[in-house]
């Protein structure tokens, strides 16, 4: 386990981080991320990927060993609001579907800089409401997301809490929750962060927000309220520049009365869970998410029944 973690960390620092520091064209960044997802992420056996349209946006249904069609994981992919798609994250969600026996739906929300704030959050809200229109009760929906998608998931959660449409629960991985960039770990973890170049995060933020207020709770859920909030699971690495985005967000959720499980893992790259099948820590983290989801529905996990 330690050897694989070392290789992933070194590879992230020497290849991925340096590329992110240098890349200038959005098209190049998207091609690189898509190529990495296509060639580097492990496929779960017997996975099904079904294209769909949700609230006028492309979407992808992901399943592997699904045991119930009444429940769904509504997942919002990361990528700094400028890269990523359901295709880049489908293998991770297939693994999670296999563990839980629940299908996942990933919406292809609009990306910046072509579509700036609040396009992404408008799309993910519309997608959630479309699931309800299709007959999925809020109590049968789990919201999930990573990085920027984790921030969008929490912003969506806040809105749904206010509207009385909160999901059964929410999980987020290394969420970007504060676009004012005030977290102390942006400075203290500059050297330990193996993937995200801190020197470009304000550029990324401005590309998405354009001239919008970084304190807008739809962009920075750290400043939102969460009345009658359902349980939330949060995962982050102690070496990430976004560590404090998670820790402070957990405090806000707890102050709003939510049951929060904030899990800080040691010395792992940003959204390491996407390396499932390669990195044992990724498999363990996804198993933790699956156990959290199973506990909400009181469902047995696939590993516990011999699959």
Protein backbone atom coordinates (compact mmCIF):
# COMPACT_ATOMS: atom_id res chain seq x y z
CA UNK A 1 0.00 0.00 0.00
CA UNK A 2 2.78 2.43 0.95
CA UNK A 3 4.68 1.79 -2.29
CA UNK A 4 1.67 2.46 -4.48
CA UNK A 5 0.85 5.62 -2.55
CA UNK A 6 4.45 6.78 -3.06
CA UNK A 7 4.26 6.18 -6.82
CA UNK A 8 0.90 7.98 -7.12
CA UNK A 9 2.17 10.95 -5.11
CA UNK A 10 5.45 11.21 -7.02
CA UNK A 11 3.73 10.81 -10.36
CA UNK A 12 1.15 13.44 -9.46
CA UNK A 13 3.84 15.90 -8.38
CA UNK A 14 6.25 15.35 -11.28
CA UNK A 15 3.75 14.96 -14.10
CA UNK A 16 0.23 16.16 -13.34
CA UNK A 17 1.09 19.14 -11.13
CA UNK A 18 3.78 20.40 -13.50
CA UNK A 19 1.36 20.09 -16.40
CA UNK A 20 -1.27 22.08 -14.51
CA UNK A 21 1.31 24.75 -13.72
CA UNK A 22 2.19 25.17 -17.41
CA UNK A 23 -0.99 24.50 -19.40
CA UNK A 24 -2.52 27.63 -20.91
CA UNK A 25 -5.26 26.47 -23.25
CA UNK A 26 -8.50 25.12 -21.78
CA UNK A 27 -8.76 22.69 -24.67
CA UNK A 28 -5.35 21.21 -23.77
CA UNK A 29 -6.34 20.83 -20.12
CA UNK A 30 -9.54 19.04 -21.10
CA UNK A 31 -7.79 16.71 -23.51
CA UNK A 32 -5.20 15.81 -20.88
CA UNK A 33 -7.80 15.06 -18.22
CA UNK A 34 -9.90 13.02 -20.65
CA UNK A 35 -6.83 11.05 -21.75
CA UNK A 36 -5.83 10.31 -18.15
CA UNK A 37 -9.35 9.13 -17.35
CA UNK A 38 -9.52 6.94 -20.44
CA UNK A 39 -6.12 5.31 -20.01
CA UNK A 40 -5.40 5.46 -16.31
CA UNK A 41 -8.59 4.78 -14.37
CA UNK A 42 -9.56 1.18 -13.63
CA UNK A 43 -12.76 -0.28 -15.07
CA UNK A 44 -15.12 -2.16 -12.76
CA UNK A 45 -16.26 -5.52 -14.24
CA UNK A 46 -19.82 -5.77 -15.58
CA UNK A 47 -20.31 -2.01 -15.60
CA UNK A 48 -23.07 -0.43 -17.64
CA UNK A 49 -22.91 3.15 -18.94
CA UNK A 50 -26.16 4.44 -20.40
CA UNK A 51 -26.34 7.95 -21.95
CA UNK A 52 -29.41 10.01 -21.15
CA UNK A 53 -30.68 13.59 -21.09
CA UNK A 54 -31.53 15.21 -17.78
CA UNK A 55 -33.04 18.70 -17.68
CA UNK A 56 -31.84 19.36 -21.24
CA UNK A 57 -28.26 18.37 -20.33
CA UNK A 58 -26.41 15.18 -21.26
CA UNK A 59 -26.22 12.70 -18.41
CA UNK A 60 -24.79 9.25 -17.82
CA UNK A 61 -26.31 6.41 -15.82
CA UNK A 62 -23.68 4.16 -14.27
CA UNK A 63 -24.36 0.79 -12.72
CA UNK A 64 -22.59 -2.39 -11.67
CA UNK A 65 -24.39 -5.13 -9.78
CA UNK A 66 -27.40 -2.90 -9.06
CA UNK A 67 -29.94 -4.45 -6.70
CA UNK A 68 -32.53 -1.67 -6.52
CA UNK A 69 -33.79 0.85 -9.07
CA UNK A 70 -35.68 2.96 -6.54
CA UNK A 71 -32.57 4.65 -5.21
CA UNK A 72 -29.90 6.72 -6.96
CA UNK A 73 -26.56 8.41 -6.32
CA UNK A 74 -26.70 11.81 -8.00
CA UNK A 75 -23.05 12.66 -8.60
CA UNK A 76 -21.43 15.97 -9.55
CA UNK A 77 -17.96 15.56 -11.04
CA UNK A 78 -14.97 17.73 -10.21
CA UNK A 79 -12.53 19.56 -12.44
CA UNK A 80 -12.42 23.14 -11.21
CA UNK A 81 -15.60 23.96 -13.15
CA UNK A 82 -13.53 23.97 -16.38
CA UNK A 83 -12.66 20.32 -17.09
CA UNK A 84 -14.16 16.91 -16.43
CA UNK A 85 -17.36 15.16 -17.41
CA UNK A 86 -19.38 12.07 -16.50
CA UNK A 87 -16.97 10.14 -18.72
CA UNK A 88 -13.93 11.08 -16.62
CA UNK A 89 -15.56 9.93 -13.38
CA UNK A 90 -17.68 6.99 -14.53
CA UNK A 91 -15.26 4.25 -13.42
CA UNK A 92 -15.12 5.54 -9.85
CA UNK A 93 -18.91 5.64 -9.72
CA UNK A 94 -19.13 2.15 -11.20
CA UNK A 95 -17.00 0.90 -8.32
CA UNK A 96 -19.23 2.71 -5.84
CA UNK A 97 -22.33 1.29 -7.53
CA UNK A 98 -20.82 -2.18 -7.22
CA UNK A 99 -20.22 -1.70 -3.50
CA UNK A 100 -23.67 -0.29 -2.72
CA UNK A 101 -25.93 -2.00 -5.24
CA UNK A 102 -27.25 1.46 -6.19
CA UNK A 103 -27.10 3.11 -9.62
CA UNK A 104 -25.48 6.50 -10.15
CA UNK A 105 -26.51 9.38 -12.37
CA UNK A 106 -23.88 11.92 -13.46
CA UNK A 107 -24.96 15.17 -15.10
CA UNK A 108 -22.81 16.87 -17.71
CA UNK A 109 -23.18 20.42 -16.40
CA UNK A 110 -21.94 23.41 -18.39
CA UNK A 111 -18.30 24.38 -17.92
CA UNK A 112 -16.44 27.68 -17.71
CA UNK A 113 -15.13 29.81 -19.28
CA UNK A 114 -17.79 29.29 -21.96
CA UNK A 115 -20.49 29.18 -19.28
CA UNK A 116 -19.64 31.09 -16.14
CA UNK A 117 -21.30 31.11 -12.71
CA UNK A 118 -24.06 30.24 -11.96
CA UNK A 119 -24.46 27.94 -14.99
CA UNK A 120 -23.03 24.87 -13.25
CA UNK A 121 -25.16 25.14 -10.12
CA UNK A 122 -28.25 25.93 -12.20
CA UNK A 123 -27.67 22.73 -14.17
CA UNK A 124 -27.12 20.48 -11.16
CA UNK A 125 -30.25 21.85 -9.48
CA UNK A 126 -32.29 21.31 -12.62
CA UNK A 127 -30.95 17.76 -12.85
CA UNK A 128 -31.94 16.98 -9.27
CA UNK A 129 -35.45 18.32 -9.83
CA UNK A 130 -35.68 16.25 -13.02
CA UNK A 131 -34.92 13.11 -11.01
CA UNK A 132 -37.79 13.97 -8.68
CA UNK A 133 -40.05 14.48 -11.70
CA UNK A 134 -39.09 10.99 -12.84
CA UNK A 135 -40.34 9.56 -9.57
CA UNK A 136 -37.25 9.47 -7.36
CA UNK A 137 -38.25 10.59 -3.87
CA UNK A 138 -35.70 12.92 -2.19
CA UNK A 139 -35.28 10.37 0.61
CA UNK A 140 -34.09 7.87 -2.01
CA UNK A 141 -31.43 10.18 -3.47
CA UNK A 142 -27.83 10.45 -2.27
CA UNK A 143 -25.90 13.51 -3.52
CA UNK A 144 -22.16 13.19 -4.05
CA UNK A 145 -19.34 15.19 -5.57
CA UNK A 146 -15.61 15.83 -5.60
CA UNK A 147 -13.48 18.99 -5.65
CA UNK A 148 -15.47 21.73 -7.44
CA UNK A 149 -18.25 19.18 -7.83
CA UNK A 150 -18.15 18.68 -4.08
CA UNK A 151 -18.62 22.39 -3.59
CA UNK A 152 -21.51 22.36 -6.05
CA UNK A 153 -23.02 19.38 -4.23
CA UNK A 154 -22.96 21.29 -0.93
CA UNK A 155 -24.35 24.44 -2.54
CA UNK A 156 -27.13 22.32 -3.99
CA UNK A 157 -27.71 20.72 -0.58
CA UNK A 158 -28.15 24.13 1.05
CA UNK A 159 -30.76 25.15 -1.52
CA UNK A 160 -32.63 21.86 -1.14
CA UNK A 161 -32.61 22.15 2.66
CA UNK A 162 -34.29 25.55 2.36
CA UNK A 163 -36.86 24.18 -0.11
CA UNK A 164 -37.74 21.07 1.90
CA UNK A 165 -36.30 18.79 -0.79
CA UNK A 166 -33.15 17.58 0.96
CA UNK A 167 -31.73 14.22 -0.14
CA UNK A 168 -31.25 11.25 2.16
CA UNK A 169 -27.58 12.17 2.65
CA UNK A 170 -24.58 13.75 0.96
CA UNK A 171 -20.93 12.76 0.56
CA UNK A 172 -18.10 14.92 -0.75
CA UNK A 173 -14.45 14.30 -1.56
CA UNK A 174 -11.93 17.13 -1.15
CA UNK A 175 -14.63 19.77 -1.78
CA UNK A 176 -13.83 23.31 -2.92
CA UNK A 177 -16.14 25.24 -0.60
CA UNK A 178 -14.57 28.69 -0.30
CA UNK A 179 -13.94 30.65 -3.49
CA UNK A 180 -12.75 33.64 -1.45
CA UNK A 181 -9.60 31.52 -1.00
CA UNK A 182 -9.26 32.32 2.69
CA UNK A 183 -8.35 28.83 3.95
CA UNK A 184 -5.04 28.70 5.80
CA UNK A 185 -4.06 25.41 4.15
CA UNK A 186 -3.71 27.24 0.83
CA UNK A 187 -0.47 28.52 2.33
CA UNK A 188 0.50 25.89 4.89
CA UNK A 189 0.09 22.96 2.48
CA UNK A 190 1.64 24.55 -0.59
CA UNK A 191 4.62 22.21 -0.46
CA UNK A 192 2.81 19.04 0.60
CA UNK A 193 0.11 19.38 -2.09
CA UNK A 194 1.14 16.99 -4.89
CA UNK A 195 -1.48 17.84 -7.51
CA UNK A 196 -3.02 21.32 -7.40
CA UNK A 197 -0.74 24.32 -8.10
CA UNK A 198 -1.78 26.94 -5.56
CA UNK A 199 -0.37 29.72 -7.75
CA UNK A 200 -3.14 29.21 -10.30
CA UNK A 201 -6.16 28.72 -8.09
CA UNK A 202 -7.19 32.40 -8.19
CA UNK A 203 -6.99 32.28 -11.99
CA UNK A 204 -9.24 29.21 -11.98
CA UNK A 205 -11.67 30.88 -9.58
CA UNK A 206 -11.89 34.04 -11.69
CA UNK A 207 -12.44 32.02 -14.85
CA UNK A 208 -15.52 30.47 -13.27
CA UNK A 209 -16.90 33.42 -11.32
CA UNK A 210 -16.04 36.13 -13.86
CA UNK A 211 -17.35 39.16 -11.92
CA UNK A 212 -19.64 37.35 -9.45
CA UNK A 213 -19.21 37.63 -5.68
CA UNK A 214 -17.00 34.85 -4.31
CA UNK A 215 -19.08 34.91 -1.12
CA UNK A 216 -22.26 34.01 -3.00
CA UNK A 217 -23.43 30.86 -1.20
CA UNK A 218 -24.15 29.16 -4.53
CA UNK A 219 -20.43 29.45 -5.30
CA UNK A 220 -19.03 29.12 -1.78
CA UNK A 221 -21.26 26.90 0.38
CA UNK A 222 -19.00 27.72 3.33
CA UNK A 223 -21.17 30.85 3.70
CA UNK A 224 -24.51 29.05 3.32
CA UNK A 225 -27.08 27.82 5.85
CA UNK A 226 -28.34 24.24 6.04
CA UNK A 227 -31.66 24.02 7.91
CA UNK A 228 -32.76 20.46 8.73
CA UNK A 229 -29.66 19.11 7.03
CA UNK A 230 -29.31 15.34 6.46
CA UNK A 231 -26.08 13.45 7.29
CA UNK A 232 -22.90 14.43 5.44
CA UNK A 233 -19.69 12.44 4.91
CA UNK A 234 -16.55 14.39 4.02
CA UNK A 235 -13.18 13.01 2.95
CA UNK A 236 -9.96 14.97 2.45
CA UNK A 237 -6.21 14.43 2.71
CA UNK A 238 -4.14 16.24 5.33
CA UNK A 239 -1.63 17.27 2.63
CA UNK A 240 -4.11 19.12 0.36
CA UNK A 241 -4.34 22.85 -0.11
CA UNK A 242 -8.14 22.44 0.23
CA UNK A 243 -7.88 20.78 3.64
CA UNK A 244 -9.34 23.80 5.41
CA UNK A 245 -12.18 24.03 2.90
CA UNK A 246 -13.31 20.69 4.30
CA UNK A 247 -12.57 21.30 7.98
CA UNK A 248 -14.32 24.68 8.11
CA UNK A 249 -17.24 23.34 6.08
CA UNK A 250 -17.67 20.50 8.55
CA UNK A 251 -17.86 23.05 11.37
CA UNK A 252 -20.53 25.06 9.52
CA UNK A 253 -22.60 21.94 8.91
CA UNK A 254 -22.32 20.89 12.55
CA UNK A 255 -23.36 24.37 13.67
CA UNK A 256 -26.44 23.92 11.49
CA UNK A 257 -27.27 20.72 13.36
CA UNK A 258 -26.12 18.23 10.74
CA UNK A 259 -24.61 14.87 11.58
CA UNK A 260 -21.15 15.17 9.99
CA UNK A 261 -18.45 12.57 9.55
CA UNK A 262 -15.25 14.41 8.57
CA UNK A 263 -12.51 11.95 7.66
CA UNK A 264 -8.99 13.29 7.19
CA UNK A 265 -6.70 10.81 5.46
CA UNK A 266 -2.89 10.95 5.53
CA UNK A 267 -0.60 12.02 2.69
CA UNK A 268 -2.78 11.43 -0.36
CA UNK A 269 -3.39 13.43 -3.54
CA UNK A 270 -6.44 15.55 -4.22
CA UNK A 271 -9.45 13.25 -4.92
CA UNK A 272 -7.32 10.12 -4.59
CA UNK A 273 -10.53 8.04 -4.68
CA UNK A 274 -10.48 8.25 -8.47
CA UNK A 275 -7.49 5.85 -8.46
CA UNK A 276 -9.70 2.99 -7.28
CA UNK A 277 -8.37 -0.36 -8.42
CA UNK A 278 -4.81 1.01 -8.42
CA UNK A 279 -4.45 2.58 -5.00
CA UNK A 280 -5.59 0.62 -1.91
CA UNK A 281 -6.34 3.88 -0.08
CA UNK A 282 -8.77 4.75 -2.88
CA UNK A 283 -10.56 1.43 -2.51
CA UNK A 284 -10.78 1.89 1.24
CA UNK A 285 -12.11 5.42 0.87
CA UNK A 286 -14.81 4.27 -1.57
CA UNK A 287 -15.69 1.45 0.80
CA UNK A 288 -16.12 4.05 3.54
CA UNK A 289 -18.48 6.01 1.26
CA UNK A 290 -20.36 2.81 0.46
CA UNK A 291 -20.72 1.99 4.15
CA UNK A 292 -22.03 5.51 4.78
CA UNK A 293 -24.61 5.11 2.02
CA UNK A 294 -25.55 1.63 3.16
CA UNK A 295 -26.10 2.89 6.70
CA UNK A 296 -28.52 5.55 5.43
CA UNK A 297 -30.64 2.93 3.67
CA UNK A 298 -29.80 0.02 6.01
CA UNK A 299 -28.66 -2.00 3.01
CA UNK A 300 -26.05 -4.77 2.99
CA UNK A 301 -22.95 -4.01 0.92
CA UNK A 302 -21.83 -6.18 -1.96
CA UNK A 303 -18.64 -7.22 -0.13
CA UNK A 304 -20.64 -8.46 2.80
CA UNK A 305 -22.73 -10.85 0.67
CA UNK A 306 -19.81 -12.42 -1.16
CA UNK A 307 -19.96 -10.53 -4.47
